Amino acid sequence: MLRSIDCMHWKWKNCPTAWKGMYSSHIREPTIILEAVASYDLWIWHAFFGMPGSHNDINMLKRSSVFTELAQGRAPPINYTVNGHDYTMGYYLADGIYPMWQTFVKTIPSPRGNKNKHFAKVQESARKDVERAFGVLQQRFAIIRGPSRMFKLKLLTNIMKTCVILHNMIIEDERDDGDSLNVEYDQLDDDIPELSRTQTNEFMDFIRRRLHIKDSSAHHQLQEDLIEHQWQLYSQ
């Protein structure tokens, strides 16, 4: 399990009148969505902000870059075995709205039996990491705790990104020396690939990796293996 993923809505009080319908969601007020991936220590590894509040988590997922490096084949290799089956992709804990992809593990809505009930309890308790990160982020910065009174969307985006960066700086400063991550922040690839209009091998590999990420059968198999794995740990 890599980390937990979820979305948070930030109310936009001074949203332009012409945009209110586009930015209003189920809470009937204009909001802007923040998609984030957080770990157990509240470190935010991924943040994507700026989509109108009328969108849901699936729309955010299709626009964000959380799986870009994985689809492009630049992600670090991951190999592990669960219940006798080998896997080559890490997974994120998500709630029920996310699609049935190999990279997501969701809870069981109405679990039946002790195995399913135990798995749902473990998954839901671990998935609260991202919810805690949202709560701590809002508690630390009053500017995103209440409705925003800014008018320009670009300014709101800069405010949210700044708060996320400062939040991670605080987490890094408070972390014990033994838990340091040694993260390299300047690993940017400036090489722009040459434009091609033919079906190159790189493009076909990209399509295959995208289909592999969205494999629903692997999603169900991984969930079943994790249910058995967690039950074995619990019984021991």
C-alpha atoms as a PDB file:
ATOM      1  CA  MET A   1       0.000   0.000   0.000  1.00  0.00           C
ATOM      2  CA  LEU A   2       1.455   3.318  -1.087  1.00  0.00           C
ATOM      3  CA  ARG A   3      -0.787   6.003   0.432  1.00  0.00           C
ATOM      4  CA  SER A   4      -4.389   7.260   0.613  1.00  0.00           C
ATOM      5  CA  ILE A   5      -6.137   9.457  -1.960  1.00  0.00           C
ATOM      6  CA  ASP A   6      -9.175  11.697  -1.617  1.00  0.00           C
ATOM      7  CA  CYS A   7     -10.573  15.149  -2.475  1.00  0.00           C
ATOM      8  CA  MET A   8     -11.442  18.222  -0.405  1.00  0.00           C
ATOM      9  CA  HIS A   9     -13.745  21.130  -1.313  1.00  0.00           C
ATOM     10  CA  TRP A  10     -12.729  24.733  -0.500  1.00  0.00           C
ATOM     11  CA  LYS A  11     -15.633  27.180  -0.449  1.00  0.00           C
ATOM     12  CA  TRP A  12     -15.305  30.168  -2.775  1.00  0.00           C
ATOM     13  CA  LYS A  13     -17.382  32.966  -1.273  1.00  0.00           C
ATOM     14  CA  ASN A  14     -16.567  35.627  -3.868  1.00  0.00           C
ATOM     15  CA  CYS A  15     -16.990  33.394  -6.894  1.00  0.00           C
ATOM     16  CA  PRO A  16     -18.109  35.442  -9.932  1.00  0.00           C
ATOM     17  CA  THR A  17     -21.848  35.222 -10.461  1.00  0.00           C
ATOM     18  CA  ALA A  18     -21.441  33.851 -13.994  1.00  0.00           C
ATOM     19  CA  TRP A  19     -19.382  30.925 -12.643  1.00  0.00           C
ATOM     20  CA  LYS A  20     -21.490  29.955  -9.616  1.00  0.00           C
ATOM     21  CA  GLY A  21     -23.423  27.264 -11.441  1.00  0.00           C
ATOM     22  CA  MET A  22     -20.223  25.637 -12.687  1.00  0.00           C
ATOM     23  CA  TYR A  23     -18.497  25.756  -9.296  1.00  0.00           C
ATOM     24  CA  SER A  24     -21.496  24.719  -7.156  1.00  0.00           C
ATOM     25  CA  SER A  25     -21.724  21.123  -5.982  1.00  0.00           C
ATOM     26  CA  HIS A  26     -23.992  19.081  -3.734  1.00  0.00           C
ATOM     27  CA  ILE A  27     -23.435  21.575  -0.911  1.00  0.00           C
ATOM     28  CA  ARG A  28     -25.055  24.254  -3.135  1.00  0.00           C
ATOM     29  CA  GLU A  29     -22.181  26.695  -2.705  1.00  0.00           C
ATOM     30  CA  PRO A  30     -19.273  27.433  -5.063  1.00  0.00           C
ATOM     31  CA  THR A  31     -16.222  25.350  -4.206  1.00  0.00           C
ATOM     32  CA  ILE A  32     -12.832  24.467  -5.658  1.00  0.00           C
ATOM     33  CA  ILE A  33     -11.510  20.923  -5.336  1.00  0.00           C
ATOM     34  CA  LEU A  34      -8.154  19.786  -3.980  1.00  0.00           C
ATOM     35  CA  GLU A  35      -7.062  16.232  -4.793  1.00  0.00           C
ATOM     36  CA  ALA A  36      -4.326  14.961  -2.493  1.00  0.00           C
ATOM     37  CA  VAL A  37      -2.367  11.812  -1.711  1.00  0.00           C
ATOM     38  CA  ALA A  38      -1.174  11.582   1.898  1.00  0.00           C
ATOM     39  CA  SER A  39       0.716   9.047   3.976  1.00  0.00           C
ATOM     40  CA  TYR A  40       0.325   8.015   7.609  1.00  0.00           C
ATOM     41  CA  ASP A  41       2.622  10.827   8.795  1.00  0.00           C
ATOM     42  CA  LEU A  42       0.366  13.437   7.063  1.00  0.00           C
ATOM     43  CA  TRP A  43       2.956  14.184   4.376  1.00  0.00           C
ATOM     44  CA  ILE A  44       1.171  15.244   1.167  1.00  0.00           C
ATOM     45  CA  TRP A  45       2.871  13.547  -1.770  1.00  0.00           C
ATOM     46  CA  HIS A  46       0.560  14.743  -4.516  1.00  0.00           C
ATOM     47  CA  ALA A  47      -1.723  17.775  -4.782  1.00  0.00           C
ATOM     48  CA  PHE A  48      -3.897  18.819  -7.720  1.00  0.00           C
ATOM     49  CA  PHE A  49      -6.043  21.932  -7.255  1.00  0.00           C
ATOM     50  CA  GLY A  50      -8.293  24.127  -9.355  1.00  0.00           C
ATOM     51  CA  MET A  51     -11.169  22.031 -10.698  1.00  0.00           C
ATOM     52  CA  PRO A  52     -14.720  23.418 -10.248  1.00  0.00           C
ATOM     53  CA  GLY A  53     -16.755  22.030  -7.370  1.00  0.00           C
ATOM     54  CA  SER A  54     -19.382  20.556  -9.700  1.00  0.00           C
ATOM     55  CA  HIS A  55     -16.936  17.772 -10.561  1.00  0.00           C
ATOM     56  CA  ASN A  56     -16.550  14.599  -8.549  1.00  0.00           C
ATOM     57  CA  ASP A  57     -13.506  12.550  -7.579  1.00  0.00           C
ATOM     58  CA  ILE A  58     -13.553  10.591 -10.848  1.00  0.00           C
ATOM     59  CA  ASN A  59     -13.414  13.772 -12.933  1.00  0.00           C
ATOM     60  CA  MET A  60     -10.509  14.976 -10.804  1.00  0.00           C
ATOM     61  CA  LEU A  61      -8.708  11.678 -11.329  1.00  0.00           C
ATOM     62  CA  LYS A  62      -8.978  11.946 -15.119  1.00  0.00           C
ATOM     63  CA  ARG A  63      -7.445  15.425 -15.086  1.00  0.00           C
ATOM     64  CA  SER A  64      -4.737  14.947 -12.441  1.00  0.00           C
ATOM     65  CA  SER A  65      -1.230  13.603 -12.944  1.00  0.00           C
ATOM     66  CA  VAL A  66      -1.201  11.066 -10.118  1.00  0.00           C
ATOM     67  CA  PHE A  67      -0.588   8.150 -12.526  1.00  0.00           C
ATOM     68  CA  THR A  68       1.377  10.008 -15.199  1.00  0.00           C
ATOM     69  CA  GLU A  69       4.798   8.599 -14.367  1.00  0.00           C
ATOM     70  CA  LEU A  70       3.351   5.115 -13.945  1.00  0.00           C
ATOM     71  CA  ALA A  71       1.704   5.250 -17.370  1.00  0.00           C
ATOM     72  CA  GLN A  72       4.888   6.632 -18.936  1.00  0.00           C
ATOM     73  CA  GLY A  73       7.011   3.855 -17.441  1.00  0.00           C
ATOM     74  CA  ARG A  74       9.093   6.193 -15.268  1.00  0.00           C
ATOM     75  CA  ALA A  75       7.767   5.063 -11.879  1.00  0.00           C
ATOM     76  CA  PRO A  76      10.038   3.022  -9.608  1.00  0.00           C
ATOM     77  CA  PRO A  77       9.497  -0.751  -9.952  1.00  0.00           C
ATOM     78  CA  ILE A  78       7.282  -2.357  -7.329  1.00  0.00           C
ATOM     79  CA  ASN A  79       7.107  -6.118  -6.867  1.00  0.00           C
ATOM     80  CA  TYR A  80       5.334  -7.932  -4.052  1.00  0.00           C
ATOM     81  CA  THR A  81       3.384 -11.111  -3.385  1.00  0.00           C
ATOM     82  CA  VAL A  82       0.050 -11.371  -1.564  1.00  0.00           C
ATOM     83  CA  ASN A  83      -1.668 -14.701  -0.919  1.00  0.00           C
ATOM     84  CA  GLY A  84       0.520 -16.439  -3.487  1.00  0.00           C
ATOM     85  CA  HIS A  85      -0.099 -13.940  -6.313  1.00  0.00           C
ATOM     86  CA  ASP A  86       2.559 -11.583  -7.717  1.00  0.00           C
ATOM     87  CA  TYR A  87       1.856  -7.883  -8.353  1.00  0.00           C
ATOM     88  CA  THR A  88       3.886  -5.172 -10.048  1.00  0.00           C
ATOM     89  CA  MET A  89       1.919  -2.033  -9.122  1.00  0.00           C
ATOM     90  CA  GLY A  90       1.444  -0.355  -5.786  1.00  0.00           C
ATOM     91  CA  TYR A  91      -2.040   0.698  -4.779  1.00  0.00           C
ATOM     92  CA  TYR A  92      -3.770   3.592  -3.039  1.00  0.00           C
ATOM     93  CA  LEU A  93      -6.539   3.343  -0.476  1.00  0.00           C
ATOM     94  CA  ALA A  94      -9.675   5.080  -1.767  1.00  0.00           C
ATOM     95  CA  ASP A  95     -13.357   5.429  -1.005  1.00  0.00           C
ATOM     96  CA  GLY A  96     -16.213   3.900  -2.939  1.00  0.00           C
ATOM     97  CA  ILE A  97     -16.528   6.504  -5.716  1.00  0.00           C
ATOM     98  CA  TYR A  98     -13.161   5.684  -7.271  1.00  0.00           C
ATOM     99  CA  PRO A  99     -13.110   3.241 -10.210  1.00  0.00           C
ATOM    100  CA  MET A 100     -12.187  -0.417  -9.937  1.00  0.00           C
ATOM    101  CA  TRP A 101      -8.596  -0.080 -11.075  1.00  0.00           C
ATOM    102  CA  GLN A 102      -5.639  -2.201 -10.095  1.00  0.00           C
ATOM    103  CA  THR A 103      -4.097   0.832  -8.404  1.00  0.00           C
ATOM    104  CA  PHE A 104      -7.017   1.314  -5.966  1.00  0.00           C
ATOM    105  CA  VAL A 105      -8.170  -0.746  -3.008  1.00  0.00           C
ATOM    106  CA  LYS A 106     -11.598   0.210  -1.717  1.00  0.00           C
ATOM    107  CA  THR A 107     -13.631  -0.874   1.255  1.00  0.00           C
ATOM    108  CA  ILE A 108     -16.597  -3.263   1.152  1.00  0.00           C
ATOM    109  CA  PRO A 109     -19.877  -1.290   1.412  1.00  0.00           C
ATOM    110  CA  SER A 110     -21.926  -3.976   3.191  1.00  0.00           C
ATOM    111  CA  PRO A 111     -19.452  -6.573   4.403  1.00  0.00           C
ATOM    112  CA  ARG A 112     -20.722 -10.041   5.224  1.00  0.00           C
ATOM    113  CA  GLY A 113     -18.697 -12.531   7.166  1.00  0.00           C
ATOM    114  CA  ASN A 114     -15.861 -12.004   9.597  1.00  0.00           C
ATOM    115  CA  LYS A 115     -13.189 -11.775   6.873  1.00  0.00           C
ATOM    116  CA  ASN A 116     -14.904  -9.003   4.940  1.00  0.00           C
ATOM    117  CA  LYS A 117     -15.845  -7.113   8.094  1.00  0.00           C
ATOM    118  CA  HIS A 118     -12.271  -7.198   9.360  1.00  0.00           C
ATOM    119  CA  PHE A 119     -10.895  -6.054   5.997  1.00  0.00           C
ATOM    120  CA  ALA A 120     -13.373  -3.168   5.791  1.00  0.00           C
ATOM    121  CA  LYS A 121     -12.419  -2.063   9.295  1.00  0.00           C
ATOM    122  CA  VAL A 122      -8.698  -2.131   8.524  1.00  0.00           C
ATOM    123  CA  GLN A 123      -9.080  -0.377   5.165  1.00  0.00           C
ATOM    124  CA  GLU A 124     -11.305   2.401   6.490  1.00  0.00           C
ATOM    125  CA  SER A 125      -9.061   3.060   9.476  1.00  0.00           C
ATOM    126  CA  ALA A 126      -5.959   3.344   7.282  1.00  0.00           C
ATOM    127  CA  ARG A 127      -7.700   5.477   4.659  1.00  0.00           C
ATOM    128  CA  LYS A 128      -8.348   8.159   7.283  1.00  0.00           C
ATOM    129  CA  ASP A 129      -4.748   9.329   6.832  1.00  0.00           C
ATOM    130  CA  VAL A 130      -5.704  11.641   3.972  1.00  0.00           C
ATOM    131  CA  GLU A 131      -8.732  12.919   5.908  1.00  0.00           C
ATOM    132  CA  ARG A 132      -6.452  13.732   8.837  1.00  0.00           C
ATOM    133  CA  ALA A 133      -4.073  15.525   6.473  1.00  0.00           C
ATOM    134  CA  PHE A 134      -6.932  17.707   5.219  1.00  0.00           C
ATOM    135  CA  GLY A 135      -7.958  18.499   8.791  1.00  0.00           C
ATOM    136  CA  VAL A 136      -4.431  19.402   9.883  1.00  0.00           C
ATOM    137  CA  LEU A 137      -3.939  21.509   6.749  1.00  0.00           C
ATOM    138  CA  GLN A 138      -7.085  23.533   7.488  1.00  0.00           C
ATOM    139  CA  GLN A 139      -6.252  23.825  11.170  1.00  0.00           C
ATOM    140  CA  ARG A 140      -2.803  25.231  10.479  1.00  0.00           C
ATOM    141  CA  PHE A 141      -3.844  27.800   7.878  1.00  0.00           C
ATOM    142  CA  ALA A 142      -6.937  29.854   8.626  1.00  0.00           C
ATOM    143  CA  ILE A 143      -6.982  31.224   5.092  1.00  0.00           C
ATOM    144  CA  ILE A 144      -8.162  27.841   3.728  1.00  0.00           C
ATOM    145  CA  ARG A 145     -10.188  26.899   6.799  1.00  0.00           C
ATOM    146  CA  GLY A 146     -13.038  29.264   5.932  1.00  0.00           C
ATOM    147  CA  PRO A 147     -14.559  30.439   2.654  1.00  0.00           C
ATOM    148  CA  SER A 148     -12.164  32.226   0.329  1.00  0.00           C
ATOM    149  CA  ARG A 149     -12.760  35.932  -0.286  1.00  0.00           C
ATOM    150  CA  MET A 150     -10.403  36.220  -3.247  1.00  0.00           C
ATOM    151  CA  PHE A 151     -11.664  36.833  -6.773  1.00  0.00           C
ATOM    152  CA  LYS A 152      -8.954  35.396  -9.027  1.00  0.00           C
ATOM    153  CA  LEU A 153      -8.646  31.641  -9.450  1.00  0.00           C
ATOM    154  CA  LYS A 154      -4.901  31.841 -10.096  1.00  0.00           C
ATOM    155  CA  LEU A 155      -4.394  33.560  -6.746  1.00  0.00           C
ATOM    156  CA  LEU A 156      -6.415  30.861  -4.983  1.00  0.00           C
ATOM    157  CA  THR A 157      -4.297  28.195  -6.659  1.00  0.00           C
ATOM    158  CA  ASN A 158      -1.089  29.854  -5.466  1.00  0.00           C
ATOM    159  CA  ILE A 159      -2.489  30.101  -1.917  1.00  0.00           C
ATOM    160  CA  MET A 160      -3.403  26.414  -1.799  1.00  0.00           C
ATOM    161  CA  LYS A 161      -0.062  25.291  -3.223  1.00  0.00           C
ATOM    162  CA  THR A 162       1.783  27.504  -0.735  1.00  0.00           C
ATOM    163  CA  CYS A 163      -0.158  26.052   2.194  1.00  0.00           C
ATOM    164  CA  VAL A 164       0.595  22.500   1.030  1.00  0.00           C
ATOM    165  CA  ILE A 165       4.312  23.288   0.699  1.00  0.00           C
ATOM    166  CA  LEU A 166       4.447  24.919   4.141  1.00  0.00           C
ATOM    167  CA  HIS A 167       2.524  21.986   5.599  1.00  0.00           C
ATOM    168  CA  ASN A 168       5.115  19.544   4.259  1.00  0.00           C
ATOM    169  CA  MET A 169       7.934  21.745   5.543  1.00  0.00           C
ATOM    170  CA  ILE A 170       6.433  21.577   9.034  1.00  0.00           C
ATOM    171  CA  ILE A 171       6.029  17.802   8.779  1.00  0.00           C
ATOM    172  CA  GLU A 172       9.637  17.454   7.628  1.00  0.00           C
ATOM    173  CA  ASP A 173      10.902  19.707  10.422  1.00  0.00           C
ATOM    174  CA  GLU A 174       9.013  17.791  13.105  1.00  0.00           C
ATOM    175  CA  ARG A 175      10.026  14.374  11.797  1.00  0.00           C
ATOM    176  CA  ASP A 176      12.639  12.395  13.729  1.00  0.00           C
ATOM    177  CA  ASP A 177      16.088  12.096  12.181  1.00  0.00           C
ATOM    178  CA  GLY A 178      15.622   8.348  11.865  1.00  0.00           C
ATOM    179  CA  ASP A 179      12.491   8.843   9.755  1.00  0.00           C
ATOM    180  CA  SER A 180      14.047  11.219   7.221  1.00  0.00           C
ATOM    181  CA  LEU A 181      13.105  10.466   3.636  1.00  0.00           C
ATOM    182  CA  ASN A 182      16.075  12.009   1.808  1.00  0.00           C
ATOM    183  CA  VAL A 183      13.790  13.367  -0.894  1.00  0.00           C
ATOM    184  CA  GLU A 184      15.432  14.954  -3.929  1.00  0.00           C
ATOM    185  CA  TYR A 185      13.336  17.938  -4.934  1.00  0.00           C
ATOM    186  CA  ASP A 186      15.102  18.874  -8.175  1.00  0.00           C
ATOM    187  CA  GLN A 187      14.590  15.693 -10.192  1.00  0.00           C
ATOM    188  CA  LEU A 188      12.886  17.434 -13.097  1.00  0.00           C
ATOM    189  CA  ASP A 189      13.128  15.984 -16.562  1.00  0.00           C
ATOM    190  CA  ASP A 190      13.491  18.824 -19.075  1.00  0.00           C
ATOM    191  CA  ASP A 191      13.843  16.567 -22.090  1.00  0.00           C
ATOM    192  CA  ILE A 192      10.852  17.127 -24.363  1.00  0.00           C
ATOM    193  CA  PRO A 193      10.127  14.104 -26.582  1.00  0.00           C
ATOM    194  CA  GLU A 194      10.068  14.651 -30.317  1.00  0.00           C
ATOM    195  CA  LEU A 195       6.569  14.959 -31.769  1.00  0.00           C
ATOM    196  CA  SER A 196       5.520  11.967 -33.845  1.00  0.00           C
ATOM    197  CA  ARG A 197       2.254  11.244 -35.664  1.00  0.00           C
ATOM    198  CA  THR A 198       2.894   7.531 -36.126  1.00  0.00           C
ATOM    199  CA  GLN A 199       2.206   4.722 -33.674  1.00  0.00           C
ATOM    200  CA  THR A 200       5.628   4.376 -32.099  1.00  0.00           C
ATOM    201  CA  ASN A 201       6.623   1.630 -29.684  1.00  0.00           C
ATOM    202  CA  GLU A 202       6.628   4.140 -26.833  1.00  0.00           C
ATOM    203  CA  PHE A 203       3.022   5.088 -27.579  1.00  0.00           C
ATOM    204  CA  MET A 204       1.883   1.458 -27.706  1.00  0.00           C
ATOM    205  CA  ASP A 205       3.671   0.768 -24.412  1.00  0.00           C
ATOM    206  CA  PHE A 206       1.877   3.762 -22.922  1.00  0.00           C
ATOM    207  CA  ILE A 207      -1.494   2.369 -24.030  1.00  0.00           C
ATOM    208  CA  ARG A 208      -0.688  -1.053 -22.587  1.00  0.00           C
ATOM    209  CA  ARG A 209       0.337   0.442 -19.251  1.00  0.00           C
ATOM    210  CA  ARG A 210      -2.860   2.523 -19.104  1.00  0.00           C
ATOM    211  CA  LEU A 211      -4.960  -0.579 -19.736  1.00  0.00           C
ATOM    212  CA  HIS A 212      -2.977  -2.434 -17.101  1.00  0.00           C
ATOM    213  CA  ILE A 213      -3.705   0.317 -14.568  1.00  0.00           C
ATOM    214  CA  LYS A 214      -7.441   0.131 -15.325  1.00  0.00           C
ATOM    215  CA  ASP A 215      -7.635  -3.668 -15.125  1.00  0.00           C
ATOM    216  CA  SER A 216     -10.787  -4.382 -13.075  1.00  0.00           C
ATOM    217  CA  SER A 217     -10.125  -8.131 -12.822  1.00  0.00           C
ATOM    218  CA  ALA A 218      -6.764  -7.424 -11.174  1.00  0.00           C
ATOM    219  CA  HIS A 219      -8.562  -5.022  -8.821  1.00  0.00           C
ATOM    220  CA  HIS A 220     -10.935  -7.754  -7.620  1.00  0.00           C
ATOM    221  CA  GLN A 221      -8.110 -10.299  -7.355  1.00  0.00           C
ATOM    222  CA  LEU A 222      -5.973  -7.916  -5.300  1.00  0.00           C
ATOM    223  CA  GLN A 223      -8.869  -7.173  -2.958  1.00  0.00           C
ATOM    224  CA  GLU A 224      -9.564 -10.868  -2.427  1.00  0.00           C
ATOM    225  CA  ASP A 225      -5.888 -11.554  -1.731  1.00  0.00           C
ATOM    226  CA  LEU A 226      -5.717  -8.667   0.753  1.00  0.00           C
ATOM    227  CA  ILE A 227      -8.840  -9.941   2.521  1.00  0.00           C
ATOM    228  CA  GLU A 228      -7.197 -13.330   3.003  1.00  0.00           C
ATOM    229  CA  HIS A 229      -3.878 -11.749   3.988  1.00  0.00           C
ATOM    230  CA  GLN A 230      -5.427  -9.490   6.611  1.00  0.00           C
ATOM    231  CA  TRP A 231      -7.492 -12.333   8.005  1.00  0.00           C
ATOM    232  CA  GLN A 232      -4.399 -14.518   8.382  1.00  0.00           C
ATOM    233  CA  LEU A 233      -2.619 -11.718  10.270  1.00  0.00           C
ATOM    234  CA  TYR A 234      -5.679 -11.212  12.484  1.00  0.00           C
ATOM    235  CA  SER A 235      -6.054 -14.915  13.255  1.00  0.00           C
ATOM    236  CA  GLN A 236      -2.375 -15.189  14.155  1.00  0.00           C
END
